[in-house]
């Protein structure tokens, strides 16, 4: 009986310590949220020029070629996929990372001659 009493007391202390740890973690994350890692530079969709990113996710601009128009946008797995129709008849697909606003890649879709 004495062992059972000791076991109940130890388990009660462990439960209280666990709840305190969870509460501490919630308060810590709420008061100082971690910022996602961001790349040091992004690449322009038109010229391939590198431009620095200002702020953790500040104003980001992606240059489109003159006369191009956005056909469709969709999201998939923390990515923004932008389909752009070019004046020359081809299409370009831009993939943007939504966690930091960086241009991940560009896919050129050219019409068959």
PDB file of N, CA and C in Angstrom:
ATOM      1  N   UNK A   1       0.821  -1.191   0.000  1.00  0.00           N
ATOM      2  CA  UNK A   1       0.000   0.000   0.000  1.00  0.00           C
ATOM      3  C   UNK A   1       0.865   1.256   0.000  1.00  0.00           C
ATOM      4  N   UNK A   2       1.970   1.196   0.712  1.00  0.00           N
ATOM      5  CA  UNK A   2       2.874   2.338   0.788  1.00  0.00           C
ATOM      6  C   UNK A   2       3.497   2.620  -0.583  1.00  0.00           C
ATOM      7  N   UNK A   3       3.831   1.568  -1.344  1.00  0.00           N
ATOM      8  CA  UNK A   3       4.429   1.730  -2.668  1.00  0.00           C
ATOM      9  C   UNK A   3       3.420   2.353  -3.630  1.00  0.00           C
ATOM     10  N   UNK A   4       2.182   1.947  -3.523  1.00  0.00           N
ATOM     11  CA  UNK A   4       1.143   2.509  -4.387  1.00  0.00           C
ATOM     12  C   UNK A   4       0.936   3.994  -4.095  1.00  0.00           C
ATOM     13  N   UNK A   5       0.964   4.360  -2.849  1.00  0.00           N
ATOM     14  CA  UNK A   5       0.814   5.749  -2.453  1.00  0.00           C
ATOM     15  C   UNK A   5       1.971   6.587  -2.997  1.00  0.00           C
ATOM     16  N   UNK A   6       3.177   6.073  -2.904  1.00  0.00           N
ATOM     17  CA  UNK A   6       4.357   6.781  -3.419  1.00  0.00           C
ATOM     18  C   UNK A   6       4.275   6.918  -4.939  1.00  0.00           C
ATOM     19  N   UNK A   7       3.816   5.863  -5.606  1.00  0.00           N
ATOM     20  CA  UNK A   7       3.685   5.886  -7.063  1.00  0.00           C
ATOM     21  C   UNK A   7       2.658   6.946  -7.496  1.00  0.00           C
ATOM     22  N   UNK A   8       1.544   7.046  -6.807  1.00  0.00           N
ATOM     23  CA  UNK A   8       0.526   8.041  -7.130  1.00  0.00           C
ATOM     24  C   UNK A   8       1.071   9.449  -6.927  1.00  0.00           C
ATOM     25  N   UNK A   9       1.819   9.666  -5.879  1.00  0.00           N
ATOM     26  CA  UNK A   9       2.401  10.992  -5.614  1.00  0.00           C
ATOM     27  C   UNK A   9       3.410  11.355  -6.705  1.00  0.00           C
ATOM     28  N   UNK A  10       4.289  10.424  -7.078  1.00  0.00           N
ATOM     29  CA  UNK A  10       5.293  10.682  -8.116  1.00  0.00           C
ATOM     30  C   UNK A  10       4.609  10.972  -9.454  1.00  0.00           C
ATOM     31  N   UNK A  11       3.594  10.208  -9.791  1.00  0.00           N
ATOM     32  CA  UNK A  11       2.895  10.430 -11.054  1.00  0.00           C
ATOM     33  C   UNK A  11       2.154  11.778 -11.044  1.00  0.00           C
ATOM     34  N   UNK A  12       1.598  12.161  -9.935  1.00  0.00           N
ATOM     35  CA  UNK A  12       0.946  13.470  -9.822  1.00  0.00           C
ATOM     36  C   UNK A  12       1.932  14.605 -10.035  1.00  0.00           C
ATOM     37  N   UNK A  13       3.128  14.470  -9.448  1.00  0.00           N
ATOM     38  CA  UNK A  13       4.168  15.488  -9.626  1.00  0.00           C
ATOM     39  C   UNK A  13       4.590  15.547 -11.093  1.00  0.00           C
ATOM     40  N   UNK A  14       4.726  14.394 -11.753  1.00  0.00           N
ATOM     41  CA  UNK A  14       5.098  14.377 -13.175  1.00  0.00           C
ATOM     42  C   UNK A  14       4.022  15.028 -14.050  1.00  0.00           C
ATOM     43  N   UNK A  15       2.762  14.801 -13.743  1.00  0.00           N
ATOM     44  CA  UNK A  15       1.678  15.422 -14.508  1.00  0.00           C
ATOM     45  C   UNK A  15       1.718  16.944 -14.342  1.00  0.00           C
ATOM     46  N   UNK A  16       1.900  17.416 -13.128  1.00  0.00           N
ATOM     47  CA  UNK A  16       1.967  18.856 -12.882  1.00  0.00           C
ATOM     48  C   UNK A  16       3.179  19.465 -13.589  1.00  0.00           C
ATOM     49  N   UNK A  17       4.318  18.777 -13.553  1.00  0.00           N
ATOM     50  CA  UNK A  17       5.513  19.275 -14.251  1.00  0.00           C
ATOM     51  C   UNK A  17       5.297  19.315 -15.757  1.00  0.00           C
ATOM     52  N   UNK A  18       4.627  18.325 -16.300  1.00  0.00           N
ATOM     53  CA  UNK A  18       4.338  18.308 -17.742  1.00  0.00           C
ATOM     54  C   UNK A  18       3.427  19.451 -18.153  1.00  0.00           C
ATOM     55  N   UNK A  19       2.395  19.705 -17.356  1.00  0.00           N
ATOM     56  CA  UNK A  19       1.477  20.805 -17.653  1.00  0.00           C
ATOM     57  C   UNK A  19       2.207  22.144 -17.556  1.00  0.00           C
ATOM     58  N   UNK A  20       3.073  22.282 -16.571  1.00  0.00           N
ATOM     59  CA  UNK A  20       3.853  23.512 -16.433  1.00  0.00           C
ATOM     60  C   UNK A  20       4.776  23.715 -17.638  1.00  0.00           C
ATOM     61  N   UNK A  21       5.388  22.650 -18.127  1.00  0.00           N
ATOM     62  CA  UNK A  21       6.261  22.744 -19.299  1.00  0.00           C
ATOM     63  C   UNK A  21       5.484  23.140 -20.548  1.00  0.00           C
ATOM     64  N   UNK A  22       4.315  22.569 -20.738  1.00  0.00           N
ATOM     65  CA  UNK A  22       3.479  22.933 -21.880  1.00  0.00           C
ATOM     66  C   UNK A  22       3.060  24.406 -21.776  1.00  0.00           C
ATOM     67  N   UNK A  23       2.651  24.842 -20.607  1.00  0.00           N
ATOM     68  CA  UNK A  23       2.270  26.248 -20.409  1.00  0.00           C
ATOM     69  C   UNK A  23       3.425  27.196 -20.668  1.00  0.00           C
ATOM     70  N   UNK A  24       4.612  26.860 -20.202  1.00  0.00           N
ATOM     71  CA  UNK A  24       5.807  27.678 -20.433  1.00  0.00           C
ATOM     72  C   UNK A  24       6.117  27.777 -21.927  1.00  0.00           C
ATOM     73  N   UNK A  25       6.010  26.663 -22.634  1.00  0.00           N
ATOM     74  CA  UNK A  25       6.296  26.659 -24.071  1.00  0.00           C
ATOM     75  C   UNK A  25       5.290  27.523 -24.827  1.00  0.00           C
ATOM     76  N   UNK A  26       4.015  27.449 -24.468  1.00  0.00           N
ATOM     77  CA  UNK A  26       2.994  28.265 -25.127  1.00  0.00           C
ATOM     78  C   UNK A  26       3.265  29.748 -24.893  1.00  0.00           C
ATOM     79  N   UNK A  27       3.563  30.125 -23.664  1.00  0.00           N
ATOM     80  CA  UNK A  27       3.840  31.531 -23.353  1.00  0.00           C
ATOM     81  C   UNK A  27       5.092  32.008 -24.084  1.00  0.00           C
ATOM     82  N   UNK A  28       6.113  31.188 -24.118  1.00  0.00           N
ATOM     83  CA  UNK A  28       7.368  31.564 -24.786  1.00  0.00           C
ATOM     84  C   UNK A  28       7.144  31.780 -26.276  1.00  0.00           C
ATOM     85  N   UNK A  29       6.422  30.896 -26.931  1.00  0.00           N
ATOM     86  CA  UNK A  29       6.172  31.032 -28.372  1.00  0.00           C
ATOM     87  C   UNK A  29       5.234  32.191 -28.680  1.00  0.00           C
ATOM     88  N   UNK A  30       4.312  32.484 -27.780  1.00  0.00           N
ATOM     89  CA  UNK A  30       3.378  33.591 -28.015  1.00  0.00           C
ATOM     90  C   UNK A  30       4.056  34.945 -27.867  1.00  0.00           C
ATOM     91  N   UNK A  31       5.007  35.047 -26.956  1.00  0.00           N
ATOM     92  CA  UNK A  31       5.665  36.333 -26.723  1.00  0.00           C
ATOM     93  C   UNK A  31       6.808  36.607 -27.682  1.00  0.00           C
ATOM     94  N   UNK A  32       7.470  35.595 -28.196  1.00  0.00           N
ATOM     95  CA  UNK A  32       8.564  35.809 -29.152  1.00  0.00           C
ATOM     96  C   UNK A  32       8.496  34.749 -30.245  1.00  0.00           C
ATOM     97  N   UNK A  33       7.589  34.944 -31.216  1.00  0.00           N
ATOM     98  CA  UNK A  33       7.472  33.947 -32.282  1.00  0.00           C
ATOM     99  C   UNK A  33       8.746  33.895 -33.122  1.00  0.00           C
ATOM    100  N   UNK A  34       9.115  32.697 -33.511  1.00  0.00           N
ATOM    101  CA  UNK A  34      10.303  32.511 -34.323  1.00  0.00           C
ATOM    102  C   UNK A  34       9.987  32.917 -35.745  1.00  0.00           C
ATOM    103  N   UNK A  35      10.910  33.634 -36.380  1.00  0.00           N
ATOM    104  CA  UNK A  35      10.710  34.005 -37.775  1.00  0.00           C
ATOM    105  C   UNK A  35      11.306  32.920 -38.652  1.00  0.00           C
ATOM    106  N   UNK A  36      10.633  32.648 -39.758  1.00  0.00           N
ATOM    107  CA  UNK A  36      11.118  31.627 -40.694  1.00  0.00           C
ATOM    108  C   UNK A  36      12.400  32.101 -41.343  1.00  0.00           C
ATOM    109  N   UNK A  37      13.256  31.160 -41.644  1.00  0.00           N
ATOM    110  CA  UNK A  37      14.499  31.501 -42.327  1.00  0.00           C
ATOM    111  C   UNK A  37      14.162  32.071 -43.692  1.00  0.00           C
ATOM    112  N   UNK A  38      14.848  33.144 -44.052  1.00  0.00           N
ATOM    113  CA  UNK A  38      14.584  33.754 -45.342  1.00  0.00           C
ATOM    114  C   UNK A  38      15.859  33.813 -46.150  1.00  0.00           C
ATOM    115  N   UNK A  39      15.740  33.726 -47.450  1.00  0.00           N
ATOM    116  CA  UNK A  39      16.925  33.807 -48.277  1.00  0.00           C
ATOM    117  C   UNK A  39      17.462  35.222 -48.294  1.00  0.00           C
ATOM    118  N   UNK A  40      18.736  35.371 -48.616  1.00  0.00           N
ATOM    119  CA  UNK A  40      19.357  36.680 -48.657  1.00  0.00           C
ATOM    120  C   UNK A  40      19.012  37.443 -49.921  1.00  0.00           C
ATOM    121  N   UNK A  41      18.590  36.754 -50.963  1.00  0.00           N
ATOM    122  CA  UNK A  41      18.284  37.434 -52.210  1.00  0.00           C
ATOM    123  C   UNK A  41      17.210  36.673 -52.966  1.00  0.00           C
ATOM    124  N   UNK A  42      16.532  37.382 -53.857  1.00  0.00           N
ATOM    125  CA  UNK A  42      15.567  36.737 -54.736  1.00  0.00           C
ATOM    126  C   UNK A  42      15.962  37.020 -56.174  1.00  0.00           C
ATOM    127  N   UNK A  43      15.448  36.239 -57.098  1.00  0.00           N
ATOM    128  CA  UNK A  43      15.801  36.365 -58.495  1.00  0.00           C
ATOM    129  C   UNK A  43      14.625  36.947 -59.257  1.00  0.00           C
ATOM    130  N   UNK A  44      14.889  37.909 -60.120  1.00  0.00           N
ATOM    131  CA  UNK A  44      13.857  38.505 -60.947  1.00  0.00           C
ATOM    132  C   UNK A  44      13.399  37.501 -61.995  1.00  0.00           C
ATOM    133  N   UNK A  45      12.098  37.420 -62.233  1.00  0.00           N
ATOM    134  CA  UNK A  45      11.562  36.453 -63.190  1.00  0.00           C
ATOM    135  C   UNK A  45      11.915  36.821 -64.622  1.00  0.00           C
ATOM    136  N   UNK A  46      12.153  38.108 -64.882  1.00  0.00           N
ATOM    137  CA  UNK A  46      12.398  38.531 -66.261  1.00  0.00           C
ATOM    138  C   UNK A  46      13.873  38.440 -66.622  1.00  0.00           C
ATOM    139  N   UNK A  47      14.729  39.067 -65.840  1.00  0.00           N
ATOM    140  CA  UNK A  47      16.123  39.192 -66.252  1.00  0.00           C
ATOM    141  C   UNK A  47      17.072  38.256 -65.532  1.00  0.00           C
ATOM    142  N   UNK A  48      16.629  37.628 -64.463  1.00  0.00           N
ATOM    143  CA  UNK A  48      17.528  36.775 -63.692  1.00  0.00           C
ATOM    144  C   UNK A  48      18.402  37.574 -62.745  1.00  0.00           C
ATOM    145  N   UNK A  49      18.143  38.894 -62.608  1.00  0.00           N
ATOM    146  CA  UNK A  49      18.934  39.739 -61.730  1.00  0.00           C
ATOM    147  C   UNK A  49      18.605  39.439 -60.277  1.00  0.00           C
ATOM    148  N   UNK A  50      19.594  39.531 -59.418  1.00  0.00           N
ATOM    149  CA  UNK A  50      19.413  39.240 -58.003  1.00  0.00           C
ATOM    150  C   UNK A  50      19.139  40.543 -57.269  1.00  0.00           C
ATOM    151  N   UNK A  51      18.088  40.560 -56.431  1.00  0.00           N
ATOM    152  CA  UNK A  51      17.774  41.737 -55.634  1.00  0.00           C
ATOM    153  C   UNK A  51      17.595  41.318 -54.187  1.00  0.00           C
ATOM    154  N   UNK A  52      18.121  42.106 -53.241  1.00  0.00           N
ATOM    155  CA  UNK A  52      18.007  41.716 -51.825  1.00  0.00           C
ATOM    156  C   UNK A  52      16.578  41.831 -51.329  1.00  0.00           C
ATOM    157  N   UNK A  53      16.216  40.957 -50.381  1.00  0.00           N
ATOM    158  CA  UNK A  53      14.900  40.998 -49.755  1.00  0.00           C
ATOM    159  C   UNK A  53      14.999  41.890 -48.531  1.00  0.00           C
ATOM    160  N   UNK A  54      14.073  42.827 -48.396  1.00  0.00           N
ATOM    161  CA  UNK A  54      14.067  43.718 -47.248  1.00  0.00           C
ATOM    162  C   UNK A  54      12.998  43.246 -46.273  1.00  0.00           C
ATOM    163  N   UNK A  55      13.392  43.025 -45.030  1.00  0.00           N
ATOM    164  CA  UNK A  55      12.451  42.584 -44.020  1.00  0.00           C
ATOM    165  C   UNK A  55      12.197  41.086 -44.095  1.00  0.00           C
ATOM    166  N   UNK A  56      11.547  40.536 -43.079  1.00  0.00           N
ATOM    167  CA  UNK A  56      11.306  39.094 -43.064  1.00  0.00           C
ATOM    168  C   UNK A  56      10.360  38.643 -44.167  1.00  0.00           C
ATOM    169  N   UNK A  57       9.401  39.464 -44.551  1.00  0.00           N
ATOM    170  CA  UNK A  57       8.497  39.134 -45.647  1.00  0.00           C
ATOM    171  C   UNK A  57       7.875  40.436 -46.100  1.00  0.00           C
ATOM    172  N   UNK A  58       8.712  41.415 -46.298  1.00  0.00           N
ATOM    173  CA  UNK A  58       8.243  42.737 -46.693  1.00  0.00           C
ATOM    174  C   UNK A  58       7.715  42.743 -48.108  1.00  0.00           C
ATOM    175  N   UNK A  59       7.631  43.909 -48.684  1.00  0.00           N
ATOM    176  CA  UNK A  59       7.134  43.997 -50.056  1.00  0.00           C
ATOM    177  C   UNK A  59       8.059  43.247 -51.017  1.00  0.00           C
ATOM    178  N   UNK A  60       7.520  42.287 -51.706  1.00  0.00           N
ATOM    179  CA  UNK A  60       8.276  41.498 -52.674  1.00  0.00           C
ATOM    180  C   UNK A  60       7.698  41.817 -54.051  1.00  0.00           C
ATOM    181  N   UNK A  61       8.563  42.070 -55.025  1.00  0.00           N
ATOM    182  CA  UNK A  61       8.055  42.313 -56.370  1.00  0.00           C
ATOM    183  C   UNK A  61       8.679  41.320 -57.331  1.00  0.00           C
ATOM    184  N   UNK A  62       7.860  40.793 -58.217  1.00  0.00           N
ATOM    185  CA  UNK A  62       8.318  39.884 -59.264  1.00  0.00           C
ATOM    186  C   UNK A  62       7.991  40.557 -60.586  1.00  0.00           C
ATOM    187  N   UNK A  63       9.024  40.837 -61.360  1.00  0.00           N
ATOM    188  CA  UNK A  63       8.830  41.534 -62.621  1.00  0.00           C
ATOM    189  C   UNK A  63       8.337  40.571 -63.695  1.00  0.00           C
ATOM    190  N   UNK A  64       7.328  41.025 -64.432  1.00  0.00           N
ATOM    191  CA  UNK A  64       6.811  40.261 -65.559  1.00  0.00           C
ATOM    192  C   UNK A  64       7.287  40.940 -66.846  1.00  0.00           C
ATOM    193  N   UNK A  65       7.468  40.175 -67.912  1.00  0.00           N
ATOM    194  CA  UNK A  65       7.846  40.784 -69.187  1.00  0.00           C
ATOM    195  C   UNK A  65       6.741  41.734 -69.669  1.00  0.00           C
ATOM    196  N   UNK A  66       7.103  42.744 -70.470  1.00  0.00           N
ATOM    197  CA  UNK A  66       6.093  43.682 -70.971  1.00  0.00           C
ATOM    198  C   UNK A  66       5.001  42.947 -71.765  1.00  0.00           C
ATOM    199  N   UNK A  67       3.755  43.304 -71.513  1.00  0.00           N
ATOM    200  CA  UNK A  67       2.628  42.718 -72.219  1.00  0.00           C
ATOM    201  C   UNK A  67       2.159  41.379 -71.673  1.00  0.00           C
ATOM    202  N   UNK A  68       2.867  40.833 -70.724  1.00  0.00           N
ATOM    203  CA  UNK A  68       2.472  39.538 -70.157  1.00  0.00           C
ATOM    204  C   UNK A  68       1.252  39.722 -69.262  1.00  0.00           C
ATOM    205  N   UNK A  69       0.448  38.666 -69.176  1.00  0.00           N
ATOM    206  CA  UNK A  69      -0.713  38.730 -68.284  1.00  0.00           C
ATOM    207  C   UNK A  69      -0.803  37.450 -67.471  1.00  0.00           C
ATOM    208  N   UNK A  70      -1.280  37.592 -66.263  1.00  0.00           N
ATOM    209  CA  UNK A  70      -1.435  36.445 -65.370  1.00  0.00           C
ATOM    210  C   UNK A  70      -2.699  35.696 -65.764  1.00  0.00           C
ATOM    211  N   UNK A  71      -2.537  34.408 -66.059  1.00  0.00           N
ATOM    212  CA  UNK A  71      -3.658  33.581 -66.487  1.00  0.00           C
ATOM    213  C   UNK A  71      -4.338  32.936 -65.287  1.00  0.00           C
ATOM    214  N   UNK A  72      -3.528  32.400 -64.377  1.00  0.00           N
ATOM    215  CA  UNK A  72      -4.096  31.665 -63.252  1.00  0.00           C
ATOM    216  C   UNK A  72      -3.081  31.634 -62.118  1.00  0.00           C
ATOM    217  N   UNK A  73      -3.584  31.564 -60.894  1.00  0.00           N
ATOM    218  CA  UNK A  73      -2.747  31.370 -59.713  1.00  0.00           C
ATOM    219  C   UNK A  73      -3.344  30.250 -58.884  1.00  0.00           C
ATOM    220  N   UNK A  74      -2.493  29.518 -58.192  1.00  0.00           N
ATOM    221  CA  UNK A  74      -2.966  28.467 -57.289  1.00  0.00           C
ATOM    222  C   UNK A  74      -1.902  28.239 -56.215  1.00  0.00           C
ATOM    223  N   UNK A  75      -2.313  27.672 -55.113  1.00  0.00           N
ATOM    224  CA  UNK A  75      -1.378  27.343 -54.045  1.00  0.00           C
ATOM    225  C   UNK A  75      -1.260  25.837 -53.936  1.00  0.00           C
ATOM    226  N   UNK A  76      -0.046  25.403 -53.579  1.00  0.00           N
ATOM    227  CA  UNK A  76       0.207  23.979 -53.384  1.00  0.00           C
ATOM    228  C   UNK A  76       1.404  23.822 -52.464  1.00  0.00           C
ATOM    229  N   UNK A  77       1.200  23.221 -51.304  1.00  0.00           N
ATOM    230  CA  UNK A  77       2.281  22.884 -50.377  1.00  0.00           C
ATOM    231  C   UNK A  77       3.184  24.083 -50.083  1.00  0.00           C
ATOM    232  N   UNK A  78       2.614  25.138 -49.536  1.00  0.00           N
ATOM    233  CA  UNK A  78       3.339  26.348 -49.156  1.00  0.00           C
ATOM    234  C   UNK A  78       4.021  27.039 -50.333  1.00  0.00           C
ATOM    235  N   UNK A  79       3.470  26.860 -51.498  1.00  0.00           N
ATOM    236  CA  UNK A  79       3.989  27.499 -52.709  1.00  0.00           C
ATOM    237  C   UNK A  79       2.845  28.198 -53.428  1.00  0.00           C
ATOM    238  N   UNK A  80       3.148  29.328 -54.047  1.00  0.00           N
ATOM    239  CA  UNK A  80       2.209  30.010 -54.921  1.00  0.00           C
ATOM    240  C   UNK A  80       2.670  29.767 -56.348  1.00  0.00           C
ATOM    241  N   UNK A  81       1.805  29.214 -57.163  1.00  0.00           N
ATOM    242  CA  UNK A  81       2.126  28.922 -58.556  1.00  0.00           C
ATOM    243  C   UNK A  81       1.359  29.936 -59.410  1.00  0.00           C
ATOM    244  N   UNK A  82       2.107  30.721 -60.204  1.00  0.00           N
ATOM    245  CA  UNK A  82       1.522  31.763 -61.039  1.00  0.00           C
ATOM    246  C   UNK A  82       1.795  31.406 -62.498  1.00  0.00           C
ATOM    247  N   UNK A  83       0.725  31.254 -63.272  1.00  0.00           N
ATOM    248  CA  UNK A  83       0.872  30.957 -64.693  1.00  0.00           C
ATOM    249  C   UNK A  83       0.706  32.272 -65.461  1.00  0.00           C
ATOM    250  N   UNK A  84       1.710  32.607 -66.287  1.00  0.00           N
ATOM    251  CA  UNK A  84       1.745  33.871 -67.002  1.00  0.00           C
ATOM    252  C   UNK A  84       1.752  33.594 -68.502  1.00  0.00           C
ATOM    253  N   UNK A  85       0.909  34.304 -69.244  1.00  0.00           N
ATOM    254  CA  UNK A  85       0.881  34.190 -70.705  1.00  0.00           C
ATOM    255  C   UNK A  85       1.745  35.311 -71.280  1.00  0.00           C
ATOM    256  N   UNK A  86       2.705  34.946 -72.132  1.00  0.00           N
ATOM    257  CA  UNK A  86       3.623  35.907 -72.726  1.00  0.00           C
ATOM    258  C   UNK A  86       3.074  36.420 -74.053  1.00  0.00           C
ATOM    259  N   UNK A  87       3.534  37.583 -74.468  1.00  0.00           N
ATOM    260  CA  UNK A  87       3.109  38.178 -75.734  1.00  0.00           C
ATOM    261  C   UNK A  87       3.569  37.310 -76.899  1.00  0.00           C
ATOM    262  N   UNK A  88       4.720  36.659 -76.769  1.00  0.00           N
ATOM    263  CA  UNK A  88       5.279  35.840 -77.851  1.00  0.00           C
ATOM    264  C   UNK A  88       4.498  34.548 -78.070  1.00  0.00           C
ATOM    265  N   UNK A  89       3.508  34.267 -77.247  1.00  0.00           N
ATOM    266  CA  UNK A  89       2.702  33.064 -77.403  1.00  0.00           C
ATOM    267  C   UNK A  89       3.063  31.962 -76.427  1.00  0.00           C
ATOM    268  N   UNK A  90       4.178  32.067 -75.775  1.00  0.00           N
ATOM    269  CA  UNK A  90       4.570  31.061 -74.789  1.00  0.00           C
ATOM    270  C   UNK A  90       3.951  31.352 -73.432  1.00  0.00           C
ATOM    271  N   UNK A  91       4.247  30.502 -72.493  1.00  0.00           N
ATOM    272  CA  UNK A  91       3.786  30.694 -71.122  1.00  0.00           C
ATOM    273  C   UNK A  91       4.959  30.528 -70.171  1.00  0.00           C
ATOM    274  N   UNK A  92       4.829  31.117 -69.020  1.00  0.00           N
ATOM    275  CA  UNK A  92       5.848  31.014 -67.983  1.00  0.00           C
ATOM    276  C   UNK A  92       5.138  30.682 -66.682  1.00  0.00           C
ATOM    277  N   UNK A  93       5.682  29.757 -65.933  1.00  0.00           N
ATOM    278  CA  UNK A  93       5.135  29.382 -64.638  1.00  0.00           C
ATOM    279  C   UNK A  93       6.129  29.826 -63.574  1.00  0.00           C
ATOM    280  N   UNK A  94       5.667  30.645 -62.643  1.00  0.00           N
ATOM    281  CA  UNK A  94       6.502  31.137 -61.549  1.00  0.00           C
ATOM    282  C   UNK A  94       6.089  30.423 -60.269  1.00  0.00           C
ATOM    283  N   UNK A  95       7.070  29.975 -59.500  1.00  0.00           N
ATOM    284  CA  UNK A  95       6.798  29.301 -58.232  1.00  0.00           C
ATOM    285  C   UNK A  95       7.399  30.155 -57.123  1.00  0.00           C
ATOM    286  N   UNK A  96       6.538  30.616 -56.192  1.00  0.00           N
ATOM    287  CA  UNK A  96       6.953  31.499 -55.104  1.00  0.00           C
ATOM    288  C   UNK A  96       6.748  30.774 -53.784  1.00  0.00           C
ATOM    289  N   UNK A  97       7.763  30.821 -52.915  1.00  0.00           N
ATOM    290  CA  UNK A  97       7.680  30.224 -51.582  1.00  0.00           C
ATOM    291  C   UNK A  97       6.865  31.152 -50.690  1.00  0.00           C
ATOM    292  N   UNK A  98       5.758  30.666 -50.120  1.00  0.00           N
ATOM    293  CA  UNK A  98       4.887  31.501 -49.304  1.00  0.00           C
ATOM    294  C   UNK A  98       5.433  31.765 -47.911  1.00  0.00           C
ATOM    295  N   UNK A  99       6.402  30.990 -47.449  1.00  0.00           N
ATOM    296  CA  UNK A  99       6.938  31.224 -46.113  1.00  0.00           C
ATOM    297  C   UNK A  99       7.868  32.415 -46.062  1.00  0.00           C
ATOM    298  N   UNK A 100       8.533  32.739 -47.184  1.00  0.00           N
ATOM    299  CA  UNK A 100       9.462  33.861 -47.164  1.00  0.00           C
ATOM    300  C   UNK A 100       9.354  34.774 -48.382  1.00  0.00           C
ATOM    301  N   UNK A 101       8.473  34.478 -49.318  1.00  0.00           N
ATOM    302  CA  UNK A 101       8.246  35.343 -50.459  1.00  0.00           C
ATOM    303  C   UNK A 101       9.267  35.249 -51.568  1.00  0.00           C
ATOM    304  N   UNK A 102      10.172  34.289 -51.504  1.00  0.00           N
ATOM    305  CA  UNK A 102      11.231  34.174 -52.511  1.00  0.00           C
ATOM    306  C   UNK A 102      10.733  33.433 -53.745  1.00  0.00           C
ATOM    307  N   UNK A 103      11.235  33.850 -54.902  1.00  0.00           N
ATOM    308  CA  UNK A 103      10.930  33.157 -56.148  1.00  0.00           C
ATOM    309  C   UNK A 103      11.754  31.879 -56.177  1.00  0.00           C
ATOM    310  N   UNK A 104      11.087  30.737 -56.130  1.00  0.00           N
ATOM    311  CA  UNK A 104      11.774  29.441 -56.069  1.00  0.00           C
ATOM    312  C   UNK A 104      12.258  29.023 -57.447  1.00  0.00           C
ATOM    313  N   UNK A 105      11.417  29.228 -58.463  1.00  0.00           N
ATOM    314  CA  UNK A 105      11.827  28.811 -59.791  1.00  0.00           C
ATOM    315  C   UNK A 105      10.900  29.332 -60.871  1.00  0.00           C
ATOM    316  N   UNK A 106      11.378  29.241 -62.101  1.00  0.00           N
ATOM    317  CA  UNK A 106      10.621  29.668 -63.270  1.00  0.00           C
ATOM    318  C   UNK A 106      10.657  28.550 -64.293  1.00  0.00           C
ATOM    319  N   UNK A 107       9.515  28.249 -64.877  1.00  0.00           N
ATOM    320  CA  UNK A 107       9.430  27.221 -65.914  1.00  0.00           C
ATOM    321  C   UNK A 107       8.938  27.900 -67.186  1.00  0.00           C
ATOM    322  N   UNK A 108       9.726  27.821 -68.246  1.00  0.00           N
ATOM    323  CA  UNK A 108       9.357  28.409 -69.527  1.00  0.00           C
ATOM    324  C   UNK A 108       8.605  27.351 -70.354  1.00  0.00           C
ATOM    325  N   UNK A 109       7.423  27.697 -70.832  1.00  0.00           N
ATOM    326  CA  UNK A 109       6.641  26.825 -71.698  1.00  0.00           C
ATOM    327  C   UNK A 109       6.558  27.508 -73.055  1.00  0.00           C
ATOM    328  N   UNK A 110       7.257  26.971 -74.037  1.00  0.00           N
ATOM    329  CA  UNK A 110       7.315  27.598 -75.357  1.00  0.00           C
ATOM    330  C   UNK A 110       6.484  26.790 -76.344  1.00  0.00           C
ATOM    331  N   UNK A 111       5.810  27.486 -77.283  1.00  0.00           N
ATOM    332  CA  UNK A 111       5.024  26.761 -78.281  1.00  0.00           C
ATOM    333  C   UNK A 111       5.921  26.022 -79.252  1.00  0.00           C
ATOM    334  N   UNK A 112       5.451  24.901 -79.747  1.00  0.00           N
ATOM    335  CA  UNK A 112       6.199  24.113 -80.711  1.00  0.00           C
ATOM    336  C   UNK A 112       6.227  24.853 -82.036  1.00  0.00           C
ATOM    337  N   UNK A 113       7.404  24.936 -82.698  1.00  0.00           N
ATOM    338  CA  UNK A 113       7.482  25.689 -83.970  1.00  0.00           C
ATOM    339  C   UNK A 113       6.746  24.983 -85.098  1.00  0.00           C
TER     340      UNK A 113
END
